[in-house]
C-alpha cells in the first residue's frame, strides 16, 4: 500500500498548486485525477481555452473593423473556424504539459482514476474496474465545480450547450441565445458575436454581472449593446423545443407573466456553477456539506473529518482559479505547521471581454449596505492620453476610499487591459494603502494606468486631467 504525507484529489489550479507547495515544504505528495489530462476545468474547458478564443476573435474583429482607420490596409478577413479551434487546442496542450512537467519536477505522483475518501488517512483510487487504497497523513479535496443546470432543459452540447460545448462549436451560429448575463455568458457571447452571431442574452435579474459594481455594470451593458448584444433582463428560460430549422426557446418574465418564443440556432446555458462532489464518498466518510452542497470548512480549511481539508470551488467563496490557488498554498502551509492565510478582501475579478472589466474589494452597493462612509474618485479613459491616441476610450476607473481614514476599500475598472491594471490596486490594498498613497505614486506616461492615479487624485477632488 502506497503511503504519502498528502493526497490531493483534483488537479485544477487549486489542486496542482497545493501539491507543488506541499512538495516544496518537504512532503511526499500524490494527486488523483479522473480525467485524461491534468489541469481541471480551467485549463481544459474553461478559463484558458475561452481566453484563446477571446483573443483570436478579437484579432478577427480588429482586422475587419479597426486596421483601416489606423492606416493598415488589408483584405477582408476570412474565418477558418477549424484553424481557430486548433489555435485554442495548442494553448490547452501547452498548459496541460506544463502541469505535467511541474508534477515531475516536484516528484509528485500522479494517480489516474476517481478518488473516494474511505476515512481519515485513506483514499481509494479507481480506474478501469480496478481500485487501490492509498494511505496518507492528510487529504485535500480540490475537485472544483460543474455547470449548473436548468430543470427541464437538456444540454446535448450540440444545439443546447454549456460553456464546454460553446468552446467547441463546429460552425458559427446565426442566432445565439445566452442564458445568464454573468462573466461566462458575456465572454462566450463576445466570442461568437465577433465571429458573426446575433447574440441575445437572457438574465433572471434586472441587471448584468450580478455582484459587480452597479455603475460599472450599467456602462458595460451600454457598450455591449453598441457592439450588437441584445439583452432581455428580468426574464427566465422555461423550455426549449427543437424543429429541423431552429430551437424555440420559451422566455417568461422572472416575476411571472405571458411567455414569448425566441428562435435560436444555439442556446448557451450558463447560469453559474455548482460544487463537484460526486463519487467522493463524503457522506459515508462523515464530511459535512452546507445547504448549497459545498464542503464545510473551518478557518484553516479543515473539514469535519480529521485530516481532511478542502479548497477552491468546492467550498464557499468566489469560484475563481486564483482564489483556489491561494487556498492551495495556504492549506499546504497549514498542514506543514506554518501560518497559511488568504485575504478574501483582496481577490480580484476580471471579465475578459473588450473592453475588460476588473474589480477588487467592495462595491458601492456593499459599502452602503454595511453603512460605511466612503468617498468616490472617478476618471474616464476619454481623458487619458494613451487611450485617446489609441482610440480606445470606452470606460473609466472608480476608486472607493474610507471617508475617515482614506484607506482604499475597492477599485473598479472598465476599459482596455483592465485585467492587467487592477493589480496595483490589489498590492496597495494588501498593504492597507490609502487613495493618497496611490495618488502620490509616480505612474509612467503615457499609460492607461495613469487613469488609476487620476481616479485616486479625484478622491480628494484634485484630478489633474479632468
Protein backbone atom coordinates (compact mmCIF):
# COMPACT_ATOMS: atom_id res chain seq x y z
CA UNK A 1 0.00 0.00 0.00
CA UNK A 2 1.40 3.39 -1.06
CA UNK A 3 1.85 5.91 1.76
CA UNK A 4 2.01 9.70 1.45
CA UNK A 5 2.10 12.81 3.56
CA UNK A 6 -0.57 14.40 1.37
CA UNK A 7 -3.00 13.25 -1.29
CA UNK A 8 -4.78 15.93 -3.30
CA UNK A 9 -7.96 14.92 -5.14
CA UNK A 10 -8.24 17.04 -8.29
CA UNK A 11 -5.56 18.76 -10.38
CA UNK A 12 -7.18 22.05 -11.27
CA UNK A 13 -5.41 25.29 -10.28
CA UNK A 14 -6.18 24.75 -6.61
CA UNK A 15 -5.14 21.10 -6.53
CA UNK A 16 -1.92 21.18 -8.52
CA UNK A 17 -0.71 24.39 -6.84
CA UNK A 18 -1.42 22.85 -3.43
CA UNK A 19 0.57 19.76 -4.43
CA UNK A 20 3.54 21.80 -5.65
CA UNK A 21 3.67 23.93 -2.48
CA UNK A 22 3.40 20.83 -0.28
CA UNK A 23 6.29 19.24 -2.17
CA UNK A 24 8.36 22.40 -1.71
CA UNK A 25 7.72 22.08 2.02
CA UNK A 26 9.18 18.57 2.03
CA UNK A 27 6.08 16.41 1.86
CA UNK A 28 5.66 13.24 -0.16
CA UNK A 29 2.68 14.09 -2.35
CA UNK A 30 0.30 12.39 -4.76
CA UNK A 31 -2.52 13.83 -6.85
CA UNK A 32 -5.60 11.95 -8.01
CA UNK A 33 -7.14 12.89 -11.38
CA UNK A 34 -10.11 11.16 -13.05
CA UNK A 35 -9.74 12.92 -16.41
CA UNK A 36 -7.26 12.05 -19.14
CA UNK A 37 -5.38 15.32 -18.71
CA UNK A 38 -4.31 17.40 -15.73
CA UNK A 39 -5.38 20.99 -15.12
CA UNK A 40 -9.07 20.66 -14.35
CA UNK A 41 -11.84 22.75 -15.86
CA UNK A 42 -9.71 25.89 -16.00
CA UNK A 43 -7.00 24.58 -18.29
CA UNK A 44 -9.09 22.17 -20.36
CA UNK A 45 -12.62 23.51 -20.86
CA UNK A 46 -12.77 26.85 -19.06
CA UNK A 47 -10.51 29.81 -18.40
CA UNK A 48 -7.66 29.07 -20.78
CA UNK A 49 -9.48 27.90 -23.95
CA UNK A 50 -12.00 30.73 -23.59
CA UNK A 51 -9.16 33.27 -23.43
CA UNK A 52 -7.63 31.77 -26.58
CA UNK A 53 -10.92 32.21 -28.46
CA UNK A 54 -11.45 35.68 -27.00
CA UNK A 55 -8.01 36.72 -28.25
CA UNK A 56 -8.42 35.13 -31.68
CA UNK A 57 -11.91 36.54 -32.22
CA UNK A 58 -10.75 39.99 -31.11
CA UNK A 59 -7.95 39.88 -33.67
CA UNK A 60 -10.51 38.86 -36.32
CA UNK A 61 -12.71 41.81 -35.46
CA UNK A 62 -9.76 44.22 -35.28
CA UNK A 63 -8.66 43.20 -38.76
CA UNK A 64 -12.19 43.67 -40.08
CA UNK A 65 -13.03 46.99 -38.44
CA UNK A 66 -10.03 48.74 -36.86
CA UNK A 67 -6.99 48.30 -39.09
CA UNK A 68 -8.19 50.67 -41.83
CA UNK A 69 -8.59 53.68 -39.55
CA UNK A 70 -5.00 53.20 -38.39
CA UNK A 71 -3.76 53.25 -41.98
CA UNK A 72 -3.30 49.50 -42.24
CA UNK A 73 -4.95 48.23 -45.42
CA UNK A 74 -5.80 44.53 -45.51
CA UNK A 75 -8.35 42.50 -47.41
CA UNK A 76 -11.48 41.42 -45.52
CA UNK A 77 -10.50 38.67 -43.05
CA UNK A 78 -11.85 35.19 -43.68
CA UNK A 79 -12.76 32.98 -40.76
CA UNK A 80 -11.29 29.47 -40.74
CA UNK A 81 -13.01 28.11 -37.64
CA UNK A 82 -11.20 24.72 -37.56
CA UNK A 83 -7.85 26.56 -37.60
CA UNK A 84 -9.04 28.84 -34.79
CA UNK A 85 -10.10 25.80 -32.77
CA UNK A 86 -6.66 24.31 -33.41
CA UNK A 87 -5.10 27.52 -32.07
CA UNK A 88 -7.21 27.06 -28.95
CA UNK A 89 -6.17 23.41 -28.61
CA UNK A 90 -2.49 24.27 -28.92
CA UNK A 91 -2.88 26.57 -25.94
CA UNK A 92 -4.63 23.87 -23.94
CA UNK A 93 -1.96 21.30 -24.78
CA UNK A 94 0.84 23.66 -23.80
CA UNK A 95 -0.69 24.43 -20.42
CA UNK A 96 -1.55 20.80 -19.67
CA UNK A 97 2.00 19.71 -20.49
CA UNK A 98 3.21 22.49 -18.21
CA UNK A 99 1.31 21.00 -15.27
CA UNK A 100 2.63 17.52 -16.10
CA UNK A 101 6.13 18.98 -16.05
CA UNK A 102 5.51 20.58 -12.65
CA UNK A 103 4.40 17.22 -11.23
CA UNK A 104 7.60 15.53 -12.45
CA UNK A 105 9.84 18.40 -11.38
CA UNK A 106 8.40 18.33 -7.85
CA UNK A 107 8.39 14.49 -7.64
CA UNK A 108 4.61 14.35 -7.23
CA UNK A 109 2.96 11.02 -8.06
CA UNK A 110 0.00 11.26 -10.47
CA UNK A 111 -2.65 8.63 -9.75
CA UNK A 112 -5.14 8.33 -12.61
CA UNK A 113 -8.65 7.43 -11.56
CA UNK A 114 -11.58 8.51 -9.41
CA UNK A 115 -10.79 9.32 -5.81
CA UNK A 116 -13.00 8.30 -2.91
CA UNK A 117 -12.35 9.12 0.74
CA UNK A 118 -12.72 6.00 2.89
CA UNK A 119 -11.99 7.79 6.14
CA UNK A 120 -9.16 9.59 7.87
CA UNK A 121 -5.92 8.78 6.08
CA UNK A 122 -7.39 6.55 3.34
CA UNK A 123 -8.22 7.29 -0.31
CA UNK A 124 -9.47 4.73 -2.80
CA UNK A 125 -8.43 5.34 -6.41
CA UNK A 126 -10.49 3.52 -9.04
CA UNK A 127 -9.88 3.24 -12.80
CA UNK A 128 -10.81 0.70 -15.46
CA UNK A 129 -12.66 -1.51 -12.98
CA UNK A 130 -9.68 -1.78 -10.65
CA UNK A 131 -9.06 0.04 -7.39
CA UNK A 132 -6.24 0.61 -4.93
CA UNK A 133 -6.23 2.12 -1.45
CA UNK A 134 -3.73 4.85 -0.64
CA UNK A 135 -2.67 5.73 2.89
CA UNK A 136 -1.87 9.35 3.65
CA UNK A 137 -1.46 11.65 6.62
CA UNK A 138 -3.61 14.39 5.05
CA UNK A 139 -6.15 14.70 2.24
CA UNK A 140 -7.14 17.84 0.33
CA UNK A 141 -10.39 17.91 -1.64
CA UNK A 142 -9.86 20.11 -4.72
CA UNK A 143 -12.49 18.70 -7.06
CA UNK A 144 -13.77 22.06 -8.31
CA UNK A 145 -17.18 22.69 -9.79
CA UNK A 146 -19.57 21.60 -12.53
CA UNK A 147 -22.01 23.51 -14.70
CA UNK A 148 -25.33 24.45 -13.08
CA UNK A 149 -28.32 23.05 -14.93
CA UNK A 150 -31.83 24.35 -15.51
CA UNK A 151 -34.62 21.96 -14.61
CA UNK A 152 -36.29 20.57 -17.71
CA UNK A 153 -33.58 21.84 -20.10
CA UNK A 154 -31.47 19.05 -21.58
CA UNK A 155 -27.94 20.05 -22.55
CA UNK A 156 -26.74 18.00 -25.53
CA UNK A 157 -23.58 20.11 -26.15
CA UNK A 158 -24.56 20.43 -29.81
CA UNK A 159 -27.54 22.79 -30.03
CA UNK A 160 -28.25 23.37 -26.34
CA UNK A 161 -24.80 23.82 -24.88
CA UNK A 162 -22.97 24.62 -21.67
CA UNK A 163 -19.78 26.65 -21.59
CA UNK A 164 -17.95 23.45 -22.53
CA UNK A 165 -19.90 22.96 -25.76
CA UNK A 166 -19.77 26.67 -26.58
CA UNK A 167 -15.98 26.41 -26.77
CA UNK A 168 -16.14 23.75 -29.48
CA UNK A 169 -18.97 24.63 -31.88
CA UNK A 170 -18.24 23.41 -35.41
CA UNK A 171 -19.84 26.44 -37.07
CA UNK A 172 -20.81 29.97 -36.16
CA UNK A 173 -24.44 30.01 -35.03
CA UNK A 174 -26.58 32.54 -36.87
CA UNK A 175 -28.51 33.27 -33.68
CA UNK A 176 -27.04 32.56 -30.26
CA UNK A 177 -29.27 32.79 -27.19
CA UNK A 178 -27.25 33.13 -23.99
CA UNK A 179 -28.98 32.27 -20.72
CA UNK A 180 -27.21 34.14 -17.93
CA UNK A 181 -25.55 37.58 -18.01
CA UNK A 182 -22.65 36.64 -15.79
CA UNK A 183 -18.97 36.55 -16.69
CA UNK A 184 -19.04 33.30 -18.69
CA UNK A 185 -22.10 34.21 -20.73
CA UNK A 186 -20.78 37.63 -21.69
CA UNK A 187 -17.32 36.31 -22.57
CA UNK A 188 -18.57 33.46 -24.76
CA UNK A 189 -21.27 35.68 -26.22
CA UNK A 190 -18.48 38.10 -27.20
CA UNK A 191 -16.53 35.36 -28.98
CA UNK A 192 -19.41 34.30 -31.22
CA UNK A 193 -20.73 37.83 -31.80
CA UNK A 194 -17.33 38.86 -33.17
CA UNK A 195 -17.36 35.84 -35.45
CA UNK A 196 -20.79 36.70 -36.84
CA UNK A 197 -23.56 35.55 -34.48
CA UNK A 198 -26.57 37.59 -33.49
CA UNK A 199 -26.41 37.41 -29.70
CA UNK A 200 -29.27 37.84 -27.24
CA UNK A 201 -28.66 37.49 -23.51
CA UNK A 202 -31.46 36.50 -21.13
CA UNK A 203 -30.91 37.27 -17.43
CA UNK A 204 -33.20 36.49 -14.48
CA UNK A 205 -32.14 39.63 -12.59
CA UNK A 206 -32.75 43.20 -13.73
CA UNK A 207 -29.04 43.81 -14.41
CA UNK A 208 -25.98 42.17 -15.90
CA UNK A 209 -22.88 41.00 -13.96
CA UNK A 210 -24.53 40.28 -10.59
CA UNK A 211 -22.19 41.19 -7.73
CA UNK A 212 -20.17 43.73 -9.71
CA UNK A 213 -20.40 47.47 -9.08
CA UNK A 214 -23.75 48.70 -10.42
CA UNK A 215 -22.42 51.79 -12.19
CA UNK A 216 -19.77 49.72 -13.95
CA UNK A 217 -22.39 47.15 -15.00
CA UNK A 218 -24.68 49.81 -16.48
CA UNK A 219 -21.93 51.34 -18.60
CA UNK A 220 -20.74 47.88 -19.64
CA UNK A 221 -24.22 46.96 -20.80
CA UNK A 222 -24.39 50.12 -22.93
CA UNK A 223 -21.02 49.29 -24.50
CA UNK A 224 -22.10 45.71 -25.28
CA UNK A 225 -25.34 46.95 -26.83
CA UNK A 226 -23.30 49.22 -29.12
CA UNK A 227 -21.32 46.14 -30.11
CA UNK A 228 -24.53 44.37 -31.12
CA UNK A 229 -25.63 42.49 -28.00
CA UNK A 230 -29.35 42.41 -27.21
CA UNK A 231 -30.47 41.95 -23.61
CA UNK A 232 -33.67 40.64 -22.10
CA UNK A 233 -33.39 41.28 -18.37
CA UNK A 234 -35.79 40.18 -15.66
CA UNK A 235 -36.53 37.08 -17.72
CA UNK A 236 -36.12 33.32 -17.49
CA UNK A 237 -35.90 30.34 -19.83
CA UNK A 238 -38.68 27.82 -19.17
CA UNK A 239 -38.31 25.43 -22.08
CA UNK A 240 -36.60 24.64 -25.37
CA UNK A 241 -38.21 22.82 -28.27
CA UNK A 242 -36.46 21.88 -31.49
CA UNK A 243 -37.55 21.59 -35.06
CA UNK A 244 -35.47 20.90 -38.14
CA UNK A 245 -34.64 24.57 -38.66
CA UNK A 246 -34.33 26.15 -35.22
CA UNK A 247 -34.61 25.93 -31.47
CA UNK A 248 -37.72 27.52 -29.98
CA UNK A 249 -36.90 28.96 -26.57
CA UNK A 250 -39.74 29.90 -24.23
CA UNK A 251 -38.91 33.04 -22.26
CA UNK A 252 -41.07 34.31 -19.41
CA UNK A 253 -40.82 37.39 -17.17
CA UNK A 254 -39.00 36.48 -13.96
CA UNK A 255 -41.88 37.95 -11.96
CA UNK A 256 -44.38 35.86 -13.89
CA UNK A 257 -46.47 36.59 -16.96
CA UNK A 258 -47.02 35.62 -20.54
CA UNK A 259 -44.28 33.66 -22.30
CA UNK A 260 -42.76 34.56 -25.64
CA UNK A 261 -40.92 32.31 -28.07
CA UNK A 262 -37.47 33.23 -29.35
CA UNK A 263 -35.88 31.35 -32.23
CA UNK A 264 -32.20 30.46 -31.97
CA UNK A 265 -29.70 28.17 -33.63
CA UNK A 266 -27.78 27.53 -30.40
CA UNK A 267 -28.84 28.08 -26.79
CA UNK A 268 -25.98 28.54 -24.32
CA UNK A 269 -26.96 27.85 -20.71
CA UNK A 270 -24.50 29.44 -18.30
CA UNK A 271 -26.33 30.24 -15.08
CA UNK A 272 -23.39 29.50 -12.80
CA UNK A 273 -21.53 26.54 -11.39
CA UNK A 274 -22.07 24.12 -8.51
CA UNK A 275 -19.56 22.26 -6.29
CA UNK A 276 -18.46 18.91 -7.69
CA UNK A 277 -18.53 16.19 -5.01
CA UNK A 278 -19.88 13.17 -6.95
CA UNK A 279 -18.30 9.85 -6.01
CA UNK A 280 -16.10 11.26 -3.25
CA UNK A 281 -17.92 9.29 -0.55
CA UNK A 282 -18.21 12.37 1.64
CA UNK A 283 -21.45 11.43 3.39
CA UNK A 284 -20.24 7.92 4.22
CA UNK A 285 -16.89 9.25 5.44
CA UNK A 286 -18.52 11.91 7.61
CA UNK A 287 -17.52 15.04 5.69
CA UNK A 288 -20.21 17.68 6.29
CA UNK A 289 -21.71 19.77 3.47
CA UNK A 290 -23.64 23.03 3.76
CA UNK A 291 -27.13 23.68 2.37
CA UNK A 292 -25.67 24.58 -1.05
CA UNK A 293 -23.71 21.34 -1.38
CA UNK A 294 -20.35 22.91 -0.56
CA UNK A 295 -17.85 21.23 1.74
CA UNK A 296 -17.92 22.90 5.14
CA UNK A 297 -14.53 24.04 6.42
CA UNK A 298 -13.16 25.93 9.41
CA UNK A 299 -10.85 28.98 9.05
CA UNK A 300 -7.95 26.58 8.45
CA UNK A 301 -9.68 24.72 5.58
CA UNK A 302 -10.28 21.65 7.78
CA UNK A 303 -13.47 19.65 7.23
CA UNK A 304 -15.47 17.79 9.86
CA UNK A 305 -13.31 14.69 9.26
CA UNK A 306 -9.89 14.77 10.88
CA UNK A 307 -7.02 15.10 8.41
CA UNK A 308 -9.28 16.09 5.50
CA UNK A 309 -9.22 19.62 4.07
CA UNK A 310 -10.99 21.33 1.16
CA UNK A 311 -10.26 24.30 -1.13
CA UNK A 312 -11.42 26.05 -4.29
CA UNK A 313 -14.81 25.88 -5.97
CA UNK A 314 -15.94 23.04 -3.72
CA UNK A 315 -16.00 25.39 -0.68
CA UNK A 316 -17.63 28.79 -0.09
CA UNK A 317 -16.35 31.92 -1.78
CA UNK A 318 -15.89 33.16 -5.33
CA UNK A 319 -15.39 30.39 -7.88
CA UNK A 320 -12.13 31.77 -9.24
CA UNK A 321 -8.98 29.87 -10.20
CA UNK A 322 -6.69 32.34 -8.42
CA UNK A 323 -8.73 32.09 -5.21
CA UNK A 324 -8.31 28.31 -5.38
CA UNK A 325 -4.55 28.68 -5.98
CA UNK A 326 -4.10 30.92 -2.94
CA UNK A 327 -6.12 28.49 -0.83
CA UNK A 328 -3.99 25.62 -2.14
CA UNK A 329 -0.81 27.36 -0.98
CA UNK A 330 -2.36 28.30 2.36
CA UNK A 331 -3.62 24.80 3.21
CA UNK A 332 -0.28 23.22 2.26
CA UNK A 333 1.48 25.63 4.61
CA UNK A 334 -1.04 24.97 7.39
CA UNK A 335 -0.58 21.21 7.04
CA UNK A 336 3.19 21.80 7.26
CA UNK A 337 2.70 23.68 10.54
CA UNK A 338 3.07 27.16 9.10
CA UNK A 339 0.64 30.10 9.11
CA UNK A 340 -1.08 29.88 5.73
CA UNK A 341 -3.58 32.66 5.05
CA UNK A 342 -5.86 34.04 2.32
CA UNK A 343 -7.07 37.65 2.39
CA UNK A 344 -10.58 37.34 0.98
CA UNK A 345 -10.98 41.12 0.91
CA UNK A 346 -8.36 41.38 -1.84
CA UNK A 347 -9.32 38.88 -4.54
CA UNK A 348 -9.61 40.50 -7.98
CA UNK A 349 -12.19 39.52 -10.56
CA UNK A 350 -11.97 40.08 -14.31
CA UNK A 351 -14.34 39.87 -17.29
CA UNK A 352 -12.15 39.23 -20.35
CA UNK A 353 -14.31 40.94 -22.93
CA UNK A 354 -13.36 44.04 -24.96
CA UNK A 355 -13.23 46.29 -23.06
CA UNK A 356 -12.35 44.28 -19.98
CA UNK A 357 -13.96 44.76 -16.58
CA UNK A 358 -11.98 44.27 -13.38
CA UNK A 359 -12.64 44.80 -9.71
CA UNK A 360 -11.17 44.25 -6.28
CA UNK A 361 -12.66 44.93 -2.87
CA UNK A 362 -16.05 46.42 -2.08
CA UNK A 363 -18.65 47.84 -4.44
CA UNK A 364 -20.64 50.98 -3.66
CA UNK A 365 -23.69 48.82 -3.03
CA UNK A 366 -21.83 46.72 -0.46
CA UNK A 367 -20.48 49.78 1.38
CA UNK A 368 -23.95 51.33 1.54
CA UNK A 369 -25.40 48.08 2.84
CA UNK A 370 -22.98 47.94 5.80
CA UNK A 371 -23.15 51.69 6.46
CA UNK A 372 -19.52 52.57 5.75
CA UNK A 373 -18.98 56.24 4.86
CA UNK A 374 -16.88 56.47 1.71
CA UNK A 375 -15.59 58.86 -0.92
CA UNK A 376 -15.51 58.19 -4.66
CA UNK A 377 -12.90 59.15 -7.22
CA UNK A 378 -13.59 58.52 -10.92
CA UNK A 379 -11.60 59.15 -14.04
CA UNK A 380 -12.70 58.39 -17.64
CA UNK A 381 -10.43 56.92 -20.29
CA UNK A 382 -11.66 59.67 -22.63
CA UNK A 383 -9.31 61.94 -20.67
CA UNK A 384 -6.37 59.51 -20.69
CA UNK A 385 -3.70 60.36 -23.26
CA UNK A 386 -2.70 56.81 -24.20
CA UNK A 387 -6.34 55.76 -24.61
CA UNK A 388 -7.08 58.80 -26.79
CA UNK A 389 -4.22 58.22 -29.23
CA UNK A 390 -5.12 54.53 -29.49
CA UNK A 391 -8.83 55.42 -29.87
CA UNK A 392 -9.79 53.00 -27.09
CA UNK A 393 -11.56 55.42 -24.75
CA UNK A 394 -14.51 53.34 -23.51
CA UNK A 395 -14.78 53.09 -19.74
CA UNK A 396 -13.48 54.61 -16.54
CA UNK A 397 -11.73 53.89 -13.24
CA UNK A 398 -13.52 54.18 -9.90
CA UNK A 399 -11.70 54.28 -6.55
CA UNK A 400 -13.67 53.90 -3.30
CA UNK A 401 -11.94 55.08 -0.12
CA UNK A 402 -12.94 55.23 3.54
CA UNK A 403 -14.23 58.75 4.25
CA UNK A 404 -12.39 58.93 7.58
CA UNK A 405 -9.11 57.10 7.00
CA UNK A 406 -8.75 57.37 3.19
CA UNK A 407 -7.94 53.65 3.08
CA UNK A 408 -8.86 52.20 -0.32
CA UNK A 409 -11.81 49.83 0.04
CA UNK A 410 -12.48 48.97 -3.60
CA UNK A 411 -11.30 49.69 -7.13
CA UNK A 412 -13.39 49.08 -10.26
CA UNK A 413 -12.22 49.45 -13.85
CA UNK A 414 -13.89 49.12 -17.20
CA UNK A 415 -11.55 49.63 -20.13
CA UNK A 416 -8.86 48.08 -22.32
CA UNK A 417 -6.42 45.90 -20.32
CA UNK A 418 -8.41 46.45 -17.11
CA UNK A 419 -7.49 42.92 -16.04
CA UNK A 420 -3.79 43.81 -16.04
CA UNK A 421 -4.32 47.21 -14.44
CA UNK A 422 -6.21 46.02 -11.35
CA UNK A 423 -3.17 44.52 -9.65
CA UNK A 424 -1.59 47.75 -8.46
CA UNK A 425 -4.82 48.28 -6.54
CA UNK A 426 -4.52 44.75 -5.11
CA UNK A 427 -0.98 45.39 -3.88
CA UNK A 428 -1.99 48.76 -2.41
CA UNK A 429 -4.97 47.23 -0.58
CA UNK A 430 -2.91 44.27 0.66
CA UNK A 431 -0.73 46.79 2.49
CA UNK A 432 -3.69 48.83 3.72
CA UNK A 433 -2.80 51.77 1.48
CA UNK A 434 -4.75 54.99 1.04
CA UNK A 435 -6.01 56.86 -2.00
CA UNK A 436 -3.36 59.46 -1.15
CA UNK A 437 -0.66 56.76 -1.38
CA UNK A 438 -1.91 55.80 -4.83
CA UNK A 439 -2.26 59.42 -5.94
CA UNK A 440 1.32 60.23 -4.96
CA UNK A 441 2.83 57.19 -6.70
CA UNK A 442 4.53 58.17 -9.95
CA UNK A 443 2.98 56.46 -12.99
CA UNK A 444 4.71 56.18 -16.36
CA UNK A 445 3.38 58.43 -19.12
CA UNK A 446 1.67 57.71 -21.41
CA UNK A 447 -0.03 54.64 -19.97
CA UNK A 448 -3.61 53.63 -19.30
CA UNK A 449 -2.63 53.06 -15.68
CA UNK A 450 -2.39 56.82 -15.23
CA UNK A 451 -6.19 56.73 -15.09
CA UNK A 452 -5.89 54.84 -11.78
CA UNK A 453 -3.66 57.57 -10.35
CA UNK A 454 -6.08 60.22 -11.59
CA UNK A 455 -9.06 58.41 -10.02
CA UNK A 456 -7.15 58.31 -6.73
CA UNK A 457 -6.48 62.04 -7.08
CA UNK A 458 -10.20 62.52 -7.76
CA UNK A 459 -10.98 61.01 -4.33
CA UNK A 460 -9.51 64.26 -2.96
CA UNK A 461 -11.16 66.31 -5.74
CA UNK A 462 -7.79 67.12 -7.34
CA UNK A 463 -7.60 65.16 -10.59
CA UNK A 464 -5.26 66.97 -12.98
CA UNK A 465 -6.56 65.97 -16.40
CA UNK A 466 -10.30 66.26 -15.80
